[in-house]
Amino acid sequence: MEEGPVVAEVRYFAFYDELGFRVGQATRFRDLECRRSPDKESVVAYLRAGAPLVVVPGDLRDPAQGCASGVWGGGSILTDGGWAWPRIAAELVDRHDLAVPAAFLARMRGSFHASPALPR
């Protein structure tokens, strides 16, 4: 019997209950650490440059600002092939200095801050 293709393990970032996402255990935005990354601008650019995995039209509200601010298409899911995140993640890092996991930063830095092109 032939085995199916091996699927790479994907890690997740910024899937918070307040955004309507649940990946694994419950995570609340207000319980997370916010600290400015020394390469914040590169992190934000990398997050914005991810390849679309799922496209979701509509406005997704910023969980820290409530109804005051939203992100168009913020519920869309982007990826670099190793990590997946909602499109709003870039805005949360940019607006609120949301801390990014060290493993994510290592992957980003290993690709010289450029989201890799994924095969279609």
C-alpha atoms as a PDB file:
ATOM      1  CA  MET A   1       0.000   0.000   0.000  1.00  0.00           C
ATOM      2  CA  GLU A   2       1.401   3.391  -0.984  1.00  0.00           C
ATOM      3  CA  GLU A   3       1.610   6.038   1.715  1.00  0.00           C
ATOM      4  CA  GLY A   4       0.165   9.510   1.241  1.00  0.00           C
ATOM      5  CA  PRO A   5       2.317  12.650   1.093  1.00  0.00           C
ATOM      6  CA  VAL A   6       4.047  13.855   4.221  1.00  0.00           C
ATOM      7  CA  VAL A   7       2.497  17.069   5.458  1.00  0.00           C
ATOM      8  CA  ALA A   8       4.818  19.547   7.145  1.00  0.00           C
ATOM      9  CA  GLU A   9       4.055  20.560  10.686  1.00  0.00           C
ATOM     10  CA  VAL A  10       2.637  24.071  10.835  1.00  0.00           C
ATOM     11  CA  ARG A  11       2.892  26.248  13.924  1.00  0.00           C
ATOM     12  CA  TYR A  12       0.377  28.966  14.741  1.00  0.00           C
ATOM     13  CA  PHE A  13       0.689  32.566  15.878  1.00  0.00           C
ATOM     14  CA  ALA A  14      -1.968  35.147  16.844  1.00  0.00           C
ATOM     15  CA  PHE A  15      -5.025  32.880  16.830  1.00  0.00           C
ATOM     16  CA  TYR A  16      -6.890  34.416  19.787  1.00  0.00           C
ATOM     17  CA  ASP A  17     -10.344  33.713  21.152  1.00  0.00           C
ATOM     18  CA  GLU A  18     -11.380  37.366  20.791  1.00  0.00           C
ATOM     19  CA  LEU A  19     -10.751  37.085  17.047  1.00  0.00           C
ATOM     20  CA  GLY A  20     -13.007  34.050  16.758  1.00  0.00           C
ATOM     21  CA  PHE A  21     -10.121  31.580  16.358  1.00  0.00           C
ATOM     22  CA  ARG A  22      -9.295  28.541  18.444  1.00  0.00           C
ATOM     23  CA  VAL A  23      -6.197  26.491  17.670  1.00  0.00           C
ATOM     24  CA  GLY A  24      -5.353  24.141  20.512  1.00  0.00           C
ATOM     25  CA  GLN A  25      -6.017  25.553  23.957  1.00  0.00           C
ATOM     26  CA  ALA A  26      -7.866  28.807  24.558  1.00  0.00           C
ATOM     27  CA  THR A  27      -5.717  31.914  24.242  1.00  0.00           C
ATOM     28  CA  ARG A  28      -6.915  35.377  25.226  1.00  0.00           C
ATOM     29  CA  PHE A  29      -5.306  38.455  23.701  1.00  0.00           C
ATOM     30  CA  ARG A  30      -5.396  40.415  26.951  1.00  0.00           C
ATOM     31  CA  ASP A  31      -3.262  37.723  28.668  1.00  0.00           C
ATOM     32  CA  LEU A  32      -0.394  37.999  26.174  1.00  0.00           C
ATOM     33  CA  GLU A  33       2.875  39.826  26.516  1.00  0.00           C
ATOM     34  CA  CYS A  34       3.439  43.005  24.561  1.00  0.00           C
ATOM     35  CA  ARG A  35       7.033  44.101  24.036  1.00  0.00           C
ATOM     36  CA  ARG A  36       8.649  45.829  21.110  1.00  0.00           C
ATOM     37  CA  SER A  37      10.843  43.606  18.963  1.00  0.00           C
ATOM     38  CA  PRO A  38      14.182  45.182  17.952  1.00  0.00           C
ATOM     39  CA  ASP A  39      13.282  44.425  14.333  1.00  0.00           C
ATOM     40  CA  LYS A  40       9.595  45.302  14.581  1.00  0.00           C
ATOM     41  CA  GLU A  41       9.363  46.847  11.098  1.00  0.00           C
ATOM     42  CA  SER A  42      10.809  43.690   9.524  1.00  0.00           C
ATOM     43  CA  VAL A  43       8.433  41.487  11.532  1.00  0.00           C
ATOM     44  CA  VAL A  44       5.424  43.527  10.425  1.00  0.00           C
ATOM     45  CA  ALA A  45       6.567  43.438   6.774  1.00  0.00           C
ATOM     46  CA  TYR A  46       7.155  39.659   6.974  1.00  0.00           C
ATOM     47  CA  LEU A  47       3.697  39.079   8.465  1.00  0.00           C
ATOM     48  CA  ARG A  48       2.059  41.220   5.765  1.00  0.00           C
ATOM     49  CA  ALA A  49       3.963  39.369   3.006  1.00  0.00           C
ATOM     50  CA  GLY A  50       2.769  35.879   3.918  1.00  0.00           C
ATOM     51  CA  ALA A  51       1.165  33.695   1.257  1.00  0.00           C
ATOM     52  CA  PRO A  52      -2.640  33.532   1.486  1.00  0.00           C
ATOM     53  CA  LEU A  53      -3.888  30.182   2.745  1.00  0.00           C
ATOM     54  CA  VAL A  54      -7.520  31.185   3.359  1.00  0.00           C
ATOM     55  CA  VAL A  55      -9.042  34.489   2.225  1.00  0.00           C
ATOM     56  CA  VAL A  56     -11.834  35.926   4.365  1.00  0.00           C
ATOM     57  CA  PRO A  57     -13.480  39.193   3.279  1.00  0.00           C
ATOM     58  CA  GLY A  58     -14.825  41.582   5.869  1.00  0.00           C
ATOM     59  CA  ASP A  59     -13.597  43.653   8.761  1.00  0.00           C
ATOM     60  CA  LEU A  60     -12.081  42.006  11.849  1.00  0.00           C
ATOM     61  CA  ARG A  61     -11.972  44.209  14.932  1.00  0.00           C
ATOM     62  CA  ASP A  62      -8.784  44.817  16.847  1.00  0.00           C
ATOM     63  CA  PRO A  63      -9.177  42.943  20.176  1.00  0.00           C
ATOM     64  CA  ALA A  64      -7.287  45.679  22.069  1.00  0.00           C
ATOM     65  CA  GLN A  65      -9.308  48.574  20.650  1.00  0.00           C
ATOM     66  CA  GLY A  66     -12.741  46.973  20.354  1.00  0.00           C
ATOM     67  CA  CYS A  67     -14.967  48.577  17.772  1.00  0.00           C
ATOM     68  CA  ALA A  68     -12.701  51.600  17.386  1.00  0.00           C
ATOM     69  CA  SER A  69     -10.491  49.964  14.797  1.00  0.00           C
ATOM     70  CA  GLY A  70     -10.630  47.023  12.450  1.00  0.00           C
ATOM     71  CA  VAL A  71      -8.613  45.367   9.719  1.00  0.00           C
ATOM     72  CA  TRP A  72     -10.163  44.609   6.337  1.00  0.00           C
ATOM     73  CA  GLY A  73      -9.583  40.926   5.555  1.00  0.00           C
ATOM     74  CA  GLY A  74      -8.082  40.516   9.024  1.00  0.00           C
ATOM     75  CA  GLY A  75      -9.525  37.008   9.367  1.00  0.00           C
ATOM     76  CA  SER A  76      -7.656  35.777   6.298  1.00  0.00           C
ATOM     77  CA  ILE A  77      -4.944  33.228   7.103  1.00  0.00           C
ATOM     78  CA  LEU A  78      -1.397  33.778   5.803  1.00  0.00           C
ATOM     79  CA  THR A  79       1.577  31.403   5.909  1.00  0.00           C
ATOM     80  CA  ASP A  80       5.272  31.090   5.207  1.00  0.00           C
ATOM     81  CA  GLY A  81       5.031  27.312   4.925  1.00  0.00           C
ATOM     82  CA  GLY A  82       6.108  26.693   8.515  1.00  0.00           C
ATOM     83  CA  TRP A  83       3.862  29.104  10.404  1.00  0.00           C
ATOM     84  CA  ALA A  84       0.296  30.314   9.893  1.00  0.00           C
ATOM     85  CA  TRP A  85      -1.257  33.523  11.253  1.00  0.00           C
ATOM     86  CA  PRO A  86      -4.337  35.682  10.683  1.00  0.00           C
ATOM     87  CA  ARG A  87      -3.760  38.782   8.564  1.00  0.00           C
ATOM     88  CA  ILE A  88      -4.573  40.978  11.573  1.00  0.00           C
ATOM     89  CA  ALA A  89      -1.391  39.711  13.317  1.00  0.00           C
ATOM     90  CA  ALA A  90       0.741  42.288  11.472  1.00  0.00           C
ATOM     91  CA  GLU A  91      -1.476  45.088  12.789  1.00  0.00           C
ATOM     92  CA  LEU A  92      -1.374  43.728  16.349  1.00  0.00           C
ATOM     93  CA  VAL A  93       2.427  43.699  16.266  1.00  0.00           C
ATOM     94  CA  ASP A  94       2.505  47.141  14.649  1.00  0.00           C
ATOM     95  CA  ARG A  95      -0.107  48.835  16.860  1.00  0.00           C
ATOM     96  CA  HIS A  96       0.428  47.077  20.198  1.00  0.00           C
ATOM     97  CA  ASP A  97       3.958  45.594  20.076  1.00  0.00           C
ATOM     98  CA  LEU A  98       2.523  42.101  20.443  1.00  0.00           C
ATOM     99  CA  ALA A  99       5.403  39.754  21.296  1.00  0.00           C
ATOM    100  CA  VAL A 100       6.290  37.278  18.544  1.00  0.00           C
ATOM    101  CA  PRO A 101       7.407  33.727  19.459  1.00  0.00           C
ATOM    102  CA  ALA A 102      11.191  33.225  19.426  1.00  0.00           C
ATOM    103  CA  ALA A 103      10.858  30.283  17.011  1.00  0.00           C
ATOM    104  CA  PHE A 104       8.949  32.491  14.575  1.00  0.00           C
ATOM    105  CA  LEU A 105      11.630  35.187  14.795  1.00  0.00           C
ATOM    106  CA  ALA A 106      14.341  32.572  14.181  1.00  0.00           C
ATOM    107  CA  ARG A 107      12.573  31.319  11.047  1.00  0.00           C
ATOM    108  CA  MET A 108      12.076  34.873   9.792  1.00  0.00           C
ATOM    109  CA  ARG A 109      15.693  35.819  10.417  1.00  0.00           C
ATOM    110  CA  GLY A 110      16.858  32.560   8.802  1.00  0.00           C
ATOM    111  CA  SER A 111      15.074  33.596   5.609  1.00  0.00           C
ATOM    112  CA  PHE A 112      16.672  37.062   5.791  1.00  0.00           C
ATOM    113  CA  HIS A 113      13.332  38.691   6.708  1.00  0.00           C
ATOM    114  CA  ALA A 114      11.712  37.677   3.407  1.00  0.00           C
ATOM    115  CA  SER A 115       8.667  35.432   3.424  1.00  0.00           C
ATOM    116  CA  PRO A 116       9.575  32.513   1.139  1.00  0.00           C
ATOM    117  CA  ALA A 117       7.705  31.980  -2.119  1.00  0.00           C
ATOM    118  CA  LEU A 118       5.538  28.880  -1.778  1.00  0.00           C
ATOM    119  CA  PRO A 119       4.765  26.458  -4.612  1.00  0.00           C
ATOM    120  CA  ARG A 120       1.237  26.710  -5.949  1.00  0.00           C
END
